[in-house]
PDB file of N, CA and C in Angstrom:
ATOM      1  N   UNK A   1       0.851  -1.167   0.000  1.00  0.00           N
ATOM      2  CA  UNK A   1       0.000   0.000   0.000  1.00  0.00           C
ATOM      3  C   UNK A   1       0.901   1.235   0.000  1.00  0.00           C
ATOM      4  N   UNK A   2       0.572   2.210  -0.798  1.00  0.00           N
ATOM      5  CA  UNK A   2       1.370   3.419  -0.892  1.00  0.00           C
ATOM      6  C   UNK A   2       1.213   4.259   0.371  1.00  0.00           C
ATOM      7  N   UNK A   3       2.198   5.087   0.637  1.00  0.00           N
ATOM      8  CA  UNK A   3       2.148   5.935   1.830  1.00  0.00           C
ATOM      9  C   UNK A   3       1.006   6.946   1.733  1.00  0.00           C
ATOM     10  N   UNK A   4       0.667   7.351   0.523  1.00  0.00           N
ATOM     11  CA  UNK A   4      -0.447   8.291   0.355  1.00  0.00           C
ATOM     12  C   UNK A   4      -1.764   7.648   0.780  1.00  0.00           C
ATOM     13  N   UNK A   5      -1.944   6.390   0.439  1.00  0.00           N
ATOM     14  CA  UNK A   5      -3.157   5.677   0.828  1.00  0.00           C
ATOM     15  C   UNK A   5      -3.236   5.533   2.343  1.00  0.00           C
ATOM     16  N   UNK A   6      -2.107   5.274   2.950  1.00  0.00           N
ATOM     17  CA  UNK A   6      -2.080   5.133   4.401  1.00  0.00           C
ATOM     18  C   UNK A   6      -2.453   6.455   5.075  1.00  0.00           C
ATOM     19  N   UNK A   7      -1.960   7.559   4.550  1.00  0.00           N
ATOM     20  CA  UNK A   7      -2.283   8.870   5.108  1.00  0.00           C
ATOM     21  C   UNK A   7      -3.770   9.166   4.947  1.00  0.00           C
ATOM     22  N   UNK A   8      -4.325   8.884   3.779  1.00  0.00           N
ATOM     23  CA  UNK A   8      -5.746   9.136   3.539  1.00  0.00           C
ATOM     24  C   UNK A   8      -6.604   8.300   4.481  1.00  0.00           C
ATOM     25  N   UNK A   9      -6.259   7.038   4.648  1.00  0.00           N
ATOM     26  CA  UNK A   9      -7.018   6.170   5.550  1.00  0.00           C
ATOM     27  C   UNK A   9      -6.897   6.664   6.989  1.00  0.00           C
ATOM     28  N   UNK A  10      -5.709   7.083   7.389  1.00  0.00           N
ATOM     29  CA  UNK A  10      -5.505   7.586   8.744  1.00  0.00           C
ATOM     30  C   UNK A  10      -6.296   8.847   9.028  1.00  0.00           C
ATOM     31  N   UNK A  11      -6.270   9.776   8.089  1.00  0.00           N
ATOM     32  CA  UNK A  11      -7.012  11.024   8.268  1.00  0.00           C
ATOM     33  C   UNK A  11      -8.515  10.761   8.306  1.00  0.00           C
ATOM     34  N   UNK A  12      -8.992   9.908   7.427  1.00  0.00           N
ATOM     35  CA  UNK A  12     -10.419   9.584   7.404  1.00  0.00           C
ATOM     36  C   UNK A  12     -10.851   8.914   8.702  1.00  0.00           C
ATOM     37  N   UNK A  13     -10.062   7.980   9.181  1.00  0.00           N
ATOM     38  CA  UNK A  13     -10.382   7.304  10.441  1.00  0.00           C
ATOM     39  C   UNK A  13     -10.392   8.298  11.600  1.00  0.00           C
ATOM     40  N   UNK A  14      -9.465   9.243  11.582  1.00  0.00           N
ATOM     41  CA  UNK A  14      -9.420  10.251  12.641  1.00  0.00           C
ATOM     42  C   UNK A  14     -10.664  11.136  12.618  1.00  0.00           C
ATOM     43  N   UNK A  15     -11.076  11.548  11.438  1.00  0.00           N
ATOM     44  CA  UNK A  15     -12.263  12.400  11.320  1.00  0.00           C
ATOM     45  C   UNK A  15     -13.506  11.663  11.809  1.00  0.00           C
ATOM     46  N   UNK A  16     -13.672  10.418  11.400  1.00  0.00           N
ATOM     47  CA  UNK A  16     -14.847   9.667  11.834  1.00  0.00           C
ATOM     48  C   UNK A  16     -14.790   9.333  13.320  1.00  0.00           C
ATOM     49  N   UNK A  17     -13.599   9.065  13.848  1.00  0.00           N
ATOM     50  CA  UNK A  17     -13.470   8.801  15.286  1.00  0.00           C
ATOM     51  C   UNK A  17     -13.812  10.050  16.092  1.00  0.00           C
ATOM     52  N   UNK A  18     -13.361  11.199  15.627  1.00  0.00           N
ATOM     53  CA  UNK A  18     -13.685  12.441  16.313  1.00  0.00           C
ATOM     54  C   UNK A  18     -15.191  12.692  16.281  1.00  0.00           C
ATOM     55  N   UNK A  19     -15.832  12.389  15.210  1.00  0.00           N
ATOM     56  CA  UNK A  19     -17.286  12.540  15.130  1.00  0.00           C
ATOM     57  C   UNK A  19     -17.979  11.621  16.122  1.00  0.00           C
ATOM     58  N   UNK A  20     -17.490  10.396  16.250  1.00  0.00           N
ATOM     59  CA  UNK A  20     -18.066   9.459  17.212  1.00  0.00           C
ATOM     60  C   UNK A  20     -17.872   9.958  18.643  1.00  0.00           C
ATOM     61  N   UNK A  21     -16.726  10.551  18.932  1.00  0.00           N
ATOM     62  CA  UNK A  21     -16.479  11.116  20.265  1.00  0.00           C
ATOM     63  C   UNK A  21     -17.440  12.255  20.544  1.00  0.00           C
ATOM     64  N   UNK A  22     -17.679  13.096  19.543  1.00  0.00           N
ATOM     65  CA  UNK A  22     -18.621  14.199  19.732  1.00  0.00           C
ATOM     66  C   UNK A  22     -20.030  13.693  20.013  1.00  0.00           C
ATOM     67  N   UNK A  23     -20.446  12.657  19.311  1.00  0.00           N
ATOM     68  CA  UNK A  23     -21.776  12.085  19.543  1.00  0.00           C
ATOM     69  C   UNK A  23     -21.845  11.495  20.947  1.00  0.00           C
ATOM     70  N   UNK A  24     -20.806  10.774  21.347  1.00  0.00           N
ATOM     71  CA  UNK A  24     -20.787  10.172  22.682  1.00  0.00           C
ATOM     72  C   UNK A  24     -20.798  11.229  23.779  1.00  0.00           C
ATOM     73  N   UNK A  25     -20.217  12.384  23.509  1.00  0.00           N
ATOM     74  CA  UNK A  25     -20.179  13.464  24.494  1.00  0.00           C
ATOM     75  C   UNK A  25     -21.457  14.294  24.482  1.00  0.00           C
ATOM     76  N   UNK A  26     -22.382  13.961  23.598  1.00  0.00           N
ATOM     77  CA  UNK A  26     -23.649  14.682  23.550  1.00  0.00           C
ATOM     78  C   UNK A  26     -23.609  15.926  22.687  1.00  0.00           C
ATOM     79  N   UNK A  27     -22.617  16.072  21.862  1.00  0.00           N
ATOM     80  CA  UNK A  27     -22.488  17.250  21.009  1.00  0.00           C
ATOM     81  C   UNK A  27     -23.075  16.970  19.624  1.00  0.00           C
ATOM     82  N   UNK A  28     -24.324  16.574  19.607  1.00  0.00           N
ATOM     83  CA  UNK A  28     -24.943  16.213  18.329  1.00  0.00           C
ATOM     84  C   UNK A  28     -25.070  17.408  17.399  1.00  0.00           C
ATOM     85  N   UNK A  29     -25.214  18.616  17.949  1.00  0.00           N
ATOM     86  CA  UNK A  29     -25.309  19.788  17.073  1.00  0.00           C
ATOM     87  C   UNK A  29     -23.997  20.019  16.330  1.00  0.00           C
ATOM     88  N   UNK A  30     -22.886  19.725  16.989  1.00  0.00           N
ATOM     89  CA  UNK A  30     -21.590  19.864  16.312  1.00  0.00           C
ATOM     90  C   UNK A  30     -21.468  18.843  15.185  1.00  0.00           C
ATOM     91  N   UNK A  31     -21.942  17.625  15.429  1.00  0.00           N
ATOM     92  CA  UNK A  31     -21.874  16.584  14.398  1.00  0.00           C
ATOM     93  C   UNK A  31     -22.779  16.950  13.226  1.00  0.00           C
ATOM     94  N   UNK A  32     -23.951  17.495  13.531  1.00  0.00           N
ATOM     95  CA  UNK A  32     -24.859  17.915  12.463  1.00  0.00           C
ATOM     96  C   UNK A  32     -24.208  19.024  11.630  1.00  0.00           C
ATOM     97  N   UNK A  33     -23.486  19.920  12.285  1.00  0.00           N
ATOM     98  CA  UNK A  33     -22.808  20.992  11.551  1.00  0.00           C
ATOM     99  C   UNK A  33     -21.660  20.447  10.702  1.00  0.00           C
ATOM    100  N   UNK A  34     -21.015  19.366  11.176  1.00  0.00           N
ATOM    101  CA  UNK A  34     -19.887  18.788  10.448  1.00  0.00           C
ATOM    102  C   UNK A  34     -20.299  17.756   9.403  1.00  0.00           C
ATOM    103  N   UNK A  35     -21.555  17.365   9.374  1.00  0.00           N
ATOM    104  CA  UNK A  35     -22.015  16.318   8.458  1.00  0.00           C
ATOM    105  C   UNK A  35     -21.704  16.631   6.993  1.00  0.00           C
ATOM    106  N   UNK A  36     -21.925  17.852   6.507  1.00  0.00           N
ATOM    107  CA  UNK A  36     -21.571  18.125   5.102  1.00  0.00           C
ATOM    108  C   UNK A  36     -20.076  17.948   4.817  1.00  0.00           C
ATOM    109  N   UNK A  37     -19.231  18.323   5.765  1.00  0.00           N
ATOM    110  CA  UNK A  37     -17.792  18.143   5.580  1.00  0.00           C
ATOM    111  C   UNK A  37     -17.435  16.663   5.549  1.00  0.00           C
ATOM    112  N   UNK A  38     -18.080  15.874   6.388  1.00  0.00           N
ATOM    113  CA  UNK A  38     -17.832  14.434   6.383  1.00  0.00           C
ATOM    114  C   UNK A  38     -18.283  13.805   5.072  1.00  0.00           C
ATOM    115  N   UNK A  39     -19.437  14.230   4.589  1.00  0.00           N
ATOM    116  CA  UNK A  39     -19.937  13.700   3.318  1.00  0.00           C
ATOM    117  C   UNK A  39     -19.010  14.081   2.167  1.00  0.00           C
ATOM    118  N   UNK A  40     -18.512  15.297   2.181  1.00  0.00           N
ATOM    119  CA  UNK A  40     -17.580  15.741   1.134  1.00  0.00           C
ATOM    120  C   UNK A  40     -16.275  14.957   1.202  1.00  0.00           C
ATOM    121  N   UNK A  41     -15.814  14.672   2.417  1.00  0.00           N
ATOM    122  CA  UNK A  41     -14.597  13.882   2.576  1.00  0.00           C
ATOM    123  C   UNK A  41     -14.767  12.506   1.956  1.00  0.00           C
ATOM    124  N   UNK A  42     -15.860  11.856   2.252  1.00  0.00           N
ATOM    125  CA  UNK A  42     -16.124  10.529   1.690  1.00  0.00           C
ATOM    126  C   UNK A  42     -16.227  10.596   0.176  1.00  0.00           C
ATOM    127  N   UNK A  43     -16.921  11.605  -0.337  1.00  0.00           N
ATOM    128  CA  UNK A  43     -17.082  11.744  -1.778  1.00  0.00           C
ATOM    129  C   UNK A  43     -15.732  11.943  -2.467  1.00  0.00           C
ATOM    130  N   UNK A  44     -14.870  12.760  -1.895  1.00  0.00           N
ATOM    131  CA  UNK A  44     -13.566  13.006  -2.499  1.00  0.00           C
ATOM    132  C   UNK A  44     -12.680  11.767  -2.460  1.00  0.00           C
ATOM    133  N   UNK A  45     -12.762  11.008  -1.375  1.00  0.00           N
ATOM    134  CA  UNK A  45     -11.969   9.787  -1.278  1.00  0.00           C
ATOM    135  C   UNK A  45     -12.432   8.776  -2.318  1.00  0.00           C
ATOM    136  N   UNK A  46     -13.729   8.606  -2.455  1.00  0.00           N
ATOM    137  CA  UNK A  46     -14.259   7.667  -3.448  1.00  0.00           C
ATOM    138  C   UNK A  46     -13.877   8.110  -4.854  1.00  0.00           C
ATOM    139  N   UNK A  47     -13.991   9.387  -5.129  1.00  0.00           N
ATOM    140  CA  UNK A  47     -13.639   9.904  -6.460  1.00  0.00           C
ATOM    141  C   UNK A  47     -12.155   9.700  -6.747  1.00  0.00           C
ATOM    142  N   UNK A  48     -11.315   9.958  -5.765  1.00  0.00           N
ATOM    143  CA  UNK A  48      -9.871   9.809  -5.961  1.00  0.00           C
ATOM    144  C   UNK A  48      -9.491   8.353  -6.199  1.00  0.00           C
ATOM    145  N   UNK A  49     -10.095   7.442  -5.459  1.00  0.00           N
ATOM    146  CA  UNK A  49      -9.755   6.032  -5.644  1.00  0.00           C
ATOM    147  C   UNK A  49     -10.276   5.509  -6.973  1.00  0.00           C
ATOM    148  N   UNK A  50     -11.435   5.957  -7.396  1.00  0.00           N
ATOM    149  CA  UNK A  50     -11.973   5.500  -8.678  1.00  0.00           C
ATOM    150  C   UNK A  50     -11.188   6.081  -9.845  1.00  0.00           C
ATOM    151  N   UNK A  51     -10.773   7.336  -9.771  1.00  0.00           N
ATOM    152  CA  UNK A  51     -10.045   7.937 -10.888  1.00  0.00           C
ATOM    153  C   UNK A  51      -8.658   7.322 -11.037  1.00  0.00           C
ATOM    154  N   UNK A  52      -8.023   6.932  -9.932  1.00  0.00           N
ATOM    155  CA  UNK A  52      -6.720   6.282 -10.020  1.00  0.00           C
ATOM    156  C   UNK A  52      -6.842   4.892 -10.612  1.00  0.00           C
ATOM    157  N   UNK A  53      -7.870   4.147 -10.229  1.00  0.00           N
ATOM    158  CA  UNK A  53      -8.026   2.797 -10.775  1.00  0.00           C
ATOM    159  C   UNK A  53      -8.457   2.851 -12.236  1.00  0.00           C
ATOM    160  N   UNK A  54      -9.217   3.853 -12.626  1.00  0.00           N
ATOM    161  CA  UNK A  54      -9.644   3.982 -14.013  1.00  0.00           C
ATOM    162  C   UNK A  54      -8.474   4.381 -14.909  1.00  0.00           C
ATOM    163  N   UNK A  55      -7.585   5.229 -14.412  1.00  0.00           N
ATOM    164  CA  UNK A  55      -6.456   5.650 -15.240  1.00  0.00           C
ATOM    165  C   UNK A  55      -5.457   4.516 -15.439  1.00  0.00           C
ATOM    166  N   UNK A  56      -5.375   3.594 -14.512  1.00  0.00           N
ATOM    167  CA  UNK A  56      -4.476   2.453 -14.665  1.00  0.00           C
ATOM    168  C   UNK A  56      -4.980   1.468 -15.702  1.00  0.00           C
ATOM    169  N   UNK A  57      -6.295   1.339 -15.830  1.00  0.00           N
ATOM    170  CA  UNK A  57      -6.849   0.347 -16.737  1.00  0.00           C
ATOM    171  C   UNK A  57      -7.146   0.894 -18.126  1.00  0.00           C
ATOM    172  N   UNK A  58      -6.893   2.175 -18.355  1.00  0.00           N
ATOM    173  CA  UNK A  58      -7.211   2.738 -19.664  1.00  0.00           C
ATOM    174  C   UNK A  58      -6.212   2.239 -20.699  1.00  0.00           C
ATOM    175  N   UNK A  59      -6.696   2.162 -21.922  1.00  0.00           N
ATOM    176  CA  UNK A  59      -5.836   1.707 -23.024  1.00  0.00           C
ATOM    177  C   UNK A  59      -5.003   2.865 -23.530  1.00  0.00           C
ATOM    178  N   UNK A  60      -3.778   2.572 -23.890  1.00  0.00           N
ATOM    179  CA  UNK A  60      -2.910   3.599 -24.436  1.00  0.00           C
ATOM    180  C   UNK A  60      -3.048   3.619 -25.948  1.00  0.00           C
ATOM    181  N   UNK A  61      -2.941   4.802 -26.509  1.00  0.00           N
ATOM    182  CA  UNK A  61      -3.080   4.974 -27.940  1.00  0.00           C
ATOM    183  C   UNK A  61      -1.689   4.977 -28.567  1.00  0.00           C
ATOM    184  N   UNK A  62      -1.537   4.254 -29.644  1.00  0.00           N
ATOM    185  CA  UNK A  62      -0.265   4.205 -30.354  1.00  0.00           C
ATOM    186  C   UNK A  62      -0.171   5.405 -31.287  1.00  0.00           C
ATOM    187  N   UNK A  63       0.853   6.232 -31.088  1.00  0.00           N
ATOM    188  CA  UNK A  63       1.009   7.430 -31.903  1.00  0.00           C
ATOM    189  C   UNK A  63       2.299   7.388 -32.718  1.00  0.00           C
ATOM    190  N   UNK A  64       2.757   6.209 -33.094  1.00  0.00           N
ATOM    191  CA  UNK A  64       4.024   6.095 -33.832  1.00  0.00           C
ATOM    192  C   UNK A  64       3.936   6.689 -35.241  1.00  0.00           C
ATOM    193  N   UNK A  65       2.783   6.669 -35.864  1.00  0.00           N
ATOM    194  CA  UNK A  65       2.636   7.209 -37.207  1.00  0.00           C
ATOM    195  C   UNK A  65       2.320   8.684 -37.222  1.00  0.00           C
ATOM    196  N   UNK A  66       2.396   9.347 -36.104  1.00  0.00           N
ATOM    197  CA  UNK A  66       2.038  10.753 -35.995  1.00  0.00           C
ATOM    198  C   UNK A  66       3.277  11.640 -35.978  1.00  0.00           C
ATOM    199  N   UNK A  67       4.076  11.512 -37.029  1.00  0.00           N
ATOM    200  CA  UNK A  67       5.293  12.316 -37.109  1.00  0.00           C
ATOM    201  C   UNK A  67       5.014  13.547 -37.956  1.00  0.00           C
ATOM    202  N   UNK A  68       5.800  14.561 -37.713  1.00  0.00           N
ATOM    203  CA  UNK A  68       5.621  15.822 -38.446  1.00  0.00           C
ATOM    204  C   UNK A  68       5.991  15.628 -39.910  1.00  0.00           C
ATOM    205  N   UNK A  69       5.179  16.174 -40.777  1.00  0.00           N
ATOM    206  CA  UNK A  69       5.458  16.100 -42.198  1.00  0.00           C
ATOM    207  C   UNK A  69       4.750  14.951 -42.919  1.00  0.00           C
ATOM    208  N   UNK A  70       4.129  14.075 -42.211  1.00  0.00           N
ATOM    209  CA  UNK A  70       3.392  12.979 -42.848  1.00  0.00           C
ATOM    210  C   UNK A  70       1.942  13.341 -43.028  1.00  0.00           C
ATOM    211  N   UNK A  71       1.400  13.031 -44.181  1.00  0.00           N
ATOM    212  CA  UNK A  71      -0.015  13.268 -44.434  1.00  0.00           C
ATOM    213  C   UNK A  71      -0.796  12.001 -44.085  1.00  0.00           C
ATOM    214  N   UNK A  72      -2.010  12.158 -43.639  1.00  0.00           N
ATOM    215  CA  UNK A  72      -2.810  10.966 -43.317  1.00  0.00           C
ATOM    216  C   UNK A  72      -3.198  10.169 -44.517  1.00  0.00           C
TER     217      UNK A  72
END
């Protein structure tokens, strides 16, 4: 696993753990205020993981015949 993935997982776990602590402490209004930020965090993580996996599986285009001065 790359170090970037480990950092993302660590930060996400910390954010969700802090939210759980706030709920346990009775600070539900704080959690409600932070809910959009949590949702955005999840959305960005999912988007980042999907875009990286999609770019790895994409087909490469062969451009060997695309030299300057050649007509199609």
